[in-house]
Amino acid sequence: MQRMQIWQQWESASEVDWGLAVEREAVIRPLAEQRRLCVEDVEAAVRHLGIGRSVLYSCSGALRPPFSVGPENGGQIAGFRG
């Protein structure tokens, strides 16, 4: 049921809303594909998009591919501070 509601929301997006989503995705996806984010890239993205860092991190996390835990990153999940 939840999935159907999300699909309906996407399907009913206005041209303006869809254009905004495409613009945001073009900025956020390259960040999400990086293992580590540098402060300069994050600051440039939040200024460009007019959003806060927490929103940017949330969006990039949703787009981020899963990273494996292994010896190349010391057995830790990249980006995880726990």
Protein backbone atom coordinates (compact mmCIF):
# COMPACT_ATOMS: atom_id res chain seq x y z
CA MET A 1 0.00 0.00 0.00
CA GLN A 2 2.80 2.45 0.92
CA ARG A 3 4.54 1.79 -2.40
CA MET A 4 1.35 2.60 -4.32
CA GLN A 5 1.01 5.94 -2.51
CA ILE A 6 4.58 6.90 -3.38
CA TRP A 7 3.97 6.00 -7.02
CA GLN A 8 0.81 8.10 -7.08
CA GLN A 9 2.68 11.08 -5.61
CA TRP A 10 5.38 10.78 -8.25
CA GLU A 11 2.84 10.38 -11.02
CA SER A 12 0.97 13.53 -9.97
CA ALA A 13 4.05 15.79 -9.70
CA SER A 14 3.70 19.06 -11.58
CA GLU A 15 6.17 20.02 -14.30
CA VAL A 16 7.77 22.53 -11.92
CA ASP A 17 8.10 19.98 -9.09
CA TRP A 18 9.51 17.38 -11.48
CA GLY A 19 12.05 19.87 -12.84
CA LEU A 20 13.16 20.73 -9.31
CA ALA A 21 13.55 17.03 -8.48
CA VAL A 22 15.66 16.46 -11.60
CA GLU A 23 17.88 19.45 -10.74
CA ARG A 24 18.36 18.26 -7.17
CA GLU A 25 19.13 14.72 -8.27
CA ALA A 26 21.81 15.99 -10.66
CA VAL A 27 23.57 17.69 -7.73
CA ILE A 28 23.00 15.02 -5.06
CA ARG A 29 23.69 11.80 -7.00
CA PRO A 30 27.39 12.53 -7.67
CA LEU A 31 27.83 13.21 -3.95
CA ALA A 32 26.00 10.00 -3.06
CA GLU A 33 28.35 7.99 -5.27
CA GLN A 34 31.43 9.19 -3.38
CA ARG A 35 32.70 7.15 -0.46
CA ARG A 36 33.56 10.30 1.50
CA LEU A 37 32.23 13.80 1.14
CA CYS A 38 34.45 16.83 1.43
CA VAL A 39 33.18 19.92 3.22
CA GLU A 40 33.59 22.12 0.14
CA ASP A 41 31.36 19.88 -2.02
CA VAL A 42 28.69 19.68 0.68
CA GLU A 43 28.68 23.44 1.24
CA ALA A 44 28.50 24.15 -2.51
CA ALA A 45 25.57 21.74 -2.88
CA VAL A 46 23.54 23.15 0.02
CA ARG A 47 24.08 26.70 -1.23
CA HIS A 48 23.09 25.74 -4.78
CA LEU A 49 19.99 23.81 -3.70
CA GLY A 50 18.97 26.07 -0.83
CA ILE A 51 18.65 23.16 1.62
CA GLY A 52 20.31 22.29 4.92
CA ARG A 53 23.17 19.85 5.35
CA SER A 54 20.97 17.35 7.20
CA VAL A 55 18.55 17.26 4.26
CA LEU A 56 21.44 16.83 1.83
CA TYR A 57 22.89 13.97 3.89
CA SER A 58 19.49 12.32 4.10
CA CYS A 59 18.92 12.56 0.35
CA SER A 60 22.43 11.40 -0.52
CA GLY A 61 22.04 8.48 1.88
CA ALA A 62 18.87 7.39 0.09
CA LEU A 63 20.77 7.36 -3.22
CA ARG A 64 24.01 5.90 -1.86
CA PRO A 65 24.91 2.40 -3.05
CA PRO A 66 25.65 -0.08 -0.28
CA PHE A 67 29.35 -0.32 0.53
CA SER A 68 30.96 -3.51 1.68
CA VAL A 69 32.77 -3.93 4.96
CA GLY A 70 36.25 -5.20 4.40
CA PRO A 71 39.97 -4.79 4.90
CA GLU A 72 40.22 -1.91 2.42
CA ASN A 73 38.38 0.34 4.87
CA GLY A 74 39.70 -1.16 8.09
CA GLY A 75 36.67 -3.39 8.57
CA GLN A 76 34.45 -0.36 9.13
CA ILE A 77 31.50 0.85 7.15
CA ALA A 78 32.62 3.90 5.18
CA GLY A 79 31.05 7.07 6.46
CA PHE A 80 29.74 5.47 9.66
CA ARG A 81 30.71 7.09 12.90
CA GLY A 82 29.50 4.92 15.70
